[in-house]
N, C-alpha and C. Protein backbone atom coordinates (compact mmCIF):
# COMPACT_ATOMS: atom_id res chain seq x y z
N UNK A 1 186.33 77.62 126.86
CA UNK A 1 185.97 77.82 125.47
C UNK A 1 187.12 78.50 124.75
N UNK A 2 187.42 78.04 123.58
CA UNK A 2 188.52 78.63 122.84
C UNK A 2 188.11 79.89 122.09
N UNK A 3 186.85 80.07 121.83
CA UNK A 3 186.38 81.24 121.09
C UNK A 3 185.43 82.05 121.97
N UNK A 4 185.56 83.37 121.89
CA UNK A 4 184.64 84.19 122.67
C UNK A 4 183.23 84.14 122.12
N UNK A 5 183.07 83.56 120.92
CA UNK A 5 181.75 83.47 120.30
C UNK A 5 181.10 82.10 120.49
N UNK A 6 181.80 81.16 121.10
CA UNK A 6 181.26 79.82 121.31
C UNK A 6 180.18 79.87 122.38
N UNK A 7 179.15 79.09 122.19
CA UNK A 7 178.05 79.04 123.14
C UNK A 7 178.39 78.12 124.30
N UNK A 8 178.20 78.56 125.53
CA UNK A 8 178.47 77.68 126.66
C UNK A 8 177.48 76.52 126.73
N UNK A 9 176.30 76.66 126.12
CA UNK A 9 175.30 75.59 126.14
C UNK A 9 175.72 74.43 125.26
N UNK A 10 176.38 74.71 124.15
CA UNK A 10 176.80 73.63 123.25
C UNK A 10 177.86 72.76 123.91
N UNK A 11 178.75 73.35 124.67
CA UNK A 11 179.83 72.60 125.29
C UNK A 11 179.30 71.63 126.34
N UNK A 12 178.20 71.95 126.99
CA UNK A 12 177.68 71.12 128.07
C UNK A 12 176.65 70.10 127.59
N UNK A 13 176.10 70.26 126.42
CA UNK A 13 175.07 69.36 125.94
C UNK A 13 175.68 68.05 125.48
N UNK A 14 175.12 66.90 125.87
CA UNK A 14 175.64 65.62 125.40
C UNK A 14 175.38 65.40 123.91
N UNK A 15 174.51 66.19 123.32
CA UNK A 15 174.22 66.03 121.90
C UNK A 15 175.24 66.74 121.02
N UNK A 16 175.75 67.82 121.50
CA UNK A 16 176.59 68.66 120.66
C UNK A 16 178.05 68.60 121.09
N UNK A 17 178.59 67.42 121.18
CA UNK A 17 180.01 67.29 121.48
C UNK A 17 180.75 67.11 120.17
N UNK A 18 181.72 67.94 119.93
CA UNK A 18 182.48 67.86 118.69
C UNK A 18 181.94 68.81 117.65
N UNK A 19 180.99 68.38 116.88
CA UNK A 19 180.42 69.16 115.80
C UNK A 19 179.05 69.68 116.23
N UNK A 20 178.82 71.00 116.18
CA UNK A 20 177.59 71.57 116.76
C UNK A 20 176.29 71.17 116.06
N UNK A 21 176.35 70.66 114.83
CA UNK A 21 175.11 70.30 114.13
C UNK A 21 174.85 68.80 114.12
N UNK A 22 175.68 68.02 114.77
CA UNK A 22 175.55 66.56 114.73
C UNK A 22 175.02 65.99 116.03
N UNK A 23 174.22 64.95 115.87
CA UNK A 23 173.75 64.15 116.99
C UNK A 23 174.24 62.73 116.74
N UNK A 24 174.94 62.18 117.69
CA UNK A 24 175.50 60.84 117.57
C UNK A 24 174.45 59.79 117.95
N UNK A 25 174.46 58.69 117.21
CA UNK A 25 173.57 57.56 117.48
C UNK A 25 174.39 56.29 117.58
N UNK A 26 173.93 55.37 118.41
CA UNK A 26 174.52 54.05 118.50
C UNK A 26 173.43 53.04 118.19
N UNK A 27 173.81 51.92 117.65
CA UNK A 27 172.81 50.90 117.39
C UNK A 27 173.04 50.24 116.06
N UNK A 28 172.02 49.52 115.63
CA UNK A 28 172.09 48.77 114.39
C UNK A 28 171.59 49.62 113.23
N UNK A 29 172.38 50.56 112.81
CA UNK A 29 172.02 51.44 111.71
C UNK A 29 172.89 51.15 110.51
N UNK A 30 172.38 51.53 109.36
CA UNK A 30 173.16 51.55 108.14
C UNK A 30 173.12 52.98 107.62
N UNK A 31 174.14 53.35 106.87
CA UNK A 31 174.15 54.68 106.28
C UNK A 31 172.91 54.83 105.41
N UNK A 32 172.19 55.93 105.59
CA UNK A 32 170.97 56.19 104.82
C UNK A 32 169.70 55.86 105.57
N UNK A 33 169.80 55.10 106.67
CA UNK A 33 168.62 54.79 107.47
C UNK A 33 168.09 56.06 108.12
N UNK A 34 166.82 56.03 108.47
CA UNK A 34 166.22 57.13 109.21
C UNK A 34 166.01 56.68 110.66
N UNK A 35 166.57 57.41 111.62
CA UNK A 35 166.33 57.04 113.02
C UNK A 35 164.85 57.19 113.35
N UNK A 36 164.38 56.39 114.28
CA UNK A 36 162.98 56.48 114.66
C UNK A 36 162.75 57.73 115.50
N UNK A 37 161.50 58.15 115.57
CA UNK A 37 161.17 59.29 116.42
C UNK A 37 161.49 58.99 117.87
N UNK A 38 161.35 57.74 118.28
CA UNK A 38 161.68 57.35 119.65
C UNK A 38 163.17 57.58 119.94
N UNK A 39 164.03 57.22 118.97
CA UNK A 39 165.46 57.44 119.15
C UNK A 39 165.77 58.92 119.29
N UNK A 40 165.10 59.75 118.49
CA UNK A 40 165.30 61.19 118.60
C UNK A 40 164.80 61.71 119.94
N UNK A 41 163.66 61.22 120.39
CA UNK A 41 163.11 61.68 121.67
C UNK A 41 164.09 61.44 122.81
N UNK A 42 164.73 60.27 122.81
CA UNK A 42 165.73 59.97 123.83
C UNK A 42 166.85 61.00 123.79
N UNK A 43 167.32 61.32 122.59
CA UNK A 43 168.40 62.30 122.45
C UNK A 43 167.94 63.69 122.86
N UNK A 44 166.75 64.10 122.43
CA UNK A 44 166.25 65.43 122.75
C UNK A 44 166.05 65.61 124.25
N UNK A 45 165.66 64.53 124.95
CA UNK A 45 165.46 64.62 126.40
C UNK A 45 166.76 64.85 127.14
N UNK A 46 167.90 64.55 126.51
CA UNK A 46 169.20 64.75 127.14
C UNK A 46 169.59 66.23 127.17
N UNK A 47 168.91 67.05 126.40
CA UNK A 47 169.22 68.48 126.36
C UNK A 47 168.64 69.14 127.60
N UNK A 48 169.47 69.86 128.29
CA UNK A 48 169.00 70.60 129.47
C UNK A 48 168.64 72.01 129.03
N UNK A 49 167.61 72.57 129.60
CA UNK A 49 167.20 73.92 129.24
C UNK A 49 165.77 73.93 128.74
N UNK A 50 165.40 75.03 128.12
CA UNK A 50 164.05 75.16 127.59
C UNK A 50 164.12 75.69 126.16
N UNK A 51 162.98 76.07 125.61
CA UNK A 51 162.94 76.49 124.21
C UNK A 51 163.71 77.78 123.96
N UNK A 52 164.04 78.52 125.01
CA UNK A 52 164.84 79.73 124.83
C UNK A 52 166.31 79.39 124.62
N UNK A 53 166.77 78.30 125.24
CA UNK A 53 168.18 77.93 125.10
C UNK A 53 168.40 76.92 123.98
N UNK A 54 167.38 76.17 123.62
CA UNK A 54 167.47 75.18 122.55
C UNK A 54 166.23 75.30 121.66
N UNK A 55 166.41 75.57 120.38
CA UNK A 55 165.25 75.70 119.50
C UNK A 55 164.48 74.39 119.39
N UNK A 56 163.20 74.48 119.16
CA UNK A 56 162.37 73.30 119.00
C UNK A 56 162.55 72.76 117.57
N UNK A 57 163.17 71.61 117.47
CA UNK A 57 163.43 70.99 116.19
C UNK A 57 162.68 69.67 116.11
N UNK A 58 162.44 69.20 114.90
CA UNK A 58 161.77 67.92 114.72
C UNK A 58 162.68 67.00 113.92
N UNK A 59 162.28 65.75 113.81
CA UNK A 59 163.09 64.78 113.09
C UNK A 59 163.26 65.16 111.62
N UNK A 60 162.32 65.91 111.07
CA UNK A 60 162.43 66.34 109.68
C UNK A 60 163.55 67.37 109.47
N UNK A 61 164.05 67.94 110.55
CA UNK A 61 165.12 68.93 110.47
C UNK A 61 166.50 68.29 110.41
N UNK A 62 166.56 66.95 110.39
CA UNK A 62 167.83 66.24 110.42
C UNK A 62 167.97 65.30 109.23
N UNK A 63 169.22 64.99 108.91
CA UNK A 63 169.54 64.10 107.79
C UNK A 63 169.24 62.65 108.17
N UNK A 64 169.39 61.78 107.20
CA UNK A 64 169.39 60.35 107.48
C UNK A 64 170.73 60.01 108.14
N UNK A 65 170.88 58.76 108.57
CA UNK A 65 172.10 58.33 109.26
C UNK A 65 173.30 58.46 108.31
N UNK A 66 174.36 59.02 108.86
CA UNK A 66 175.65 59.12 108.18
C UNK A 66 176.68 58.48 109.09
N UNK A 67 177.88 58.23 108.56
CA UNK A 67 178.91 57.59 109.37
C UNK A 67 180.26 58.24 109.10
N UNK A 68 181.01 58.45 110.18
CA UNK A 68 182.39 58.91 110.06
C UNK A 68 183.26 58.01 110.94
N UNK A 69 184.50 58.40 111.17
CA UNK A 69 185.39 57.54 111.96
C UNK A 69 184.98 57.40 113.42
N UNK A 70 184.07 58.25 113.91
CA UNK A 70 183.60 58.17 115.30
C UNK A 70 182.30 57.39 115.42
N UNK A 71 181.68 57.04 114.30
CA UNK A 71 180.44 56.27 114.34
C UNK A 71 179.30 56.93 113.59
N UNK A 72 178.08 56.53 113.94
CA UNK A 72 176.89 57.00 113.26
C UNK A 72 176.42 58.34 113.81
N UNK A 73 175.86 59.17 112.94
CA UNK A 73 175.33 60.46 113.36
C UNK A 73 174.29 60.95 112.36
N UNK A 74 173.51 61.91 112.79
CA UNK A 74 172.65 62.68 111.88
C UNK A 74 173.10 64.12 111.99
N UNK A 75 172.80 64.90 110.99
CA UNK A 75 173.23 66.29 110.98
C UNK A 75 172.02 67.19 110.73
N UNK A 76 171.97 68.28 111.47
CA UNK A 76 170.87 69.24 111.28
C UNK A 76 171.00 69.84 109.89
N UNK A 77 169.90 69.81 109.15
CA UNK A 77 169.88 70.35 107.80
C UNK A 77 169.62 71.85 107.84
N UNK A 78 170.21 72.55 106.89
CA UNK A 78 169.96 73.98 106.77
C UNK A 78 168.55 74.20 106.24
N UNK A 79 167.99 75.36 106.48
CA UNK A 79 166.64 75.66 106.00
C UNK A 79 166.60 75.51 104.48
N UNK A 80 165.66 74.72 104.00
CA UNK A 80 165.51 74.48 102.57
C UNK A 80 166.37 73.36 102.03
N UNK A 81 167.31 72.85 102.81
CA UNK A 81 168.19 71.75 102.38
C UNK A 81 167.42 70.45 102.48
N UNK A 82 167.63 69.58 101.50
CA UNK A 82 166.98 68.28 101.51
C UNK A 82 168.04 67.18 101.71
N UNK A 83 167.63 66.12 102.38
CA UNK A 83 168.53 64.99 102.58
C UNK A 83 168.67 64.26 101.26
N UNK A 84 169.87 63.77 100.99
CA UNK A 84 170.14 63.14 99.71
C UNK A 84 170.18 61.60 99.80
N UNK A 85 169.59 61.04 100.86
CA UNK A 85 169.60 59.59 101.02
C UNK A 85 168.74 58.94 99.94
N UNK A 86 169.20 57.80 99.45
CA UNK A 86 168.42 57.04 98.46
C UNK A 86 167.35 56.17 99.13
N UNK A 87 167.31 56.16 100.48
CA UNK A 87 166.32 55.34 101.20
C UNK A 87 165.08 56.13 101.57
N UNK A 88 165.01 57.40 101.20
CA UNK A 88 163.85 58.21 101.57
C UNK A 88 162.68 57.94 100.66
């Protein structure tokens, strides 16, 4: 870890590689789409640990699909933040 404040759990989780608030998705998505709950369940099951090491989040806590140079992703929204997708 490069920072003494970095969490060792984030580095090992397949969900949090690169940006700590992003979950990467693959598939036939368009920007603004909402991933299905099934797609999220698959991703959430990849997290090792329990509710003490990973907070219990729901699909409503994440944005609609976004895209960058690495592909599609959703981002955890801050408390009170709303997604700005026109497909909602």
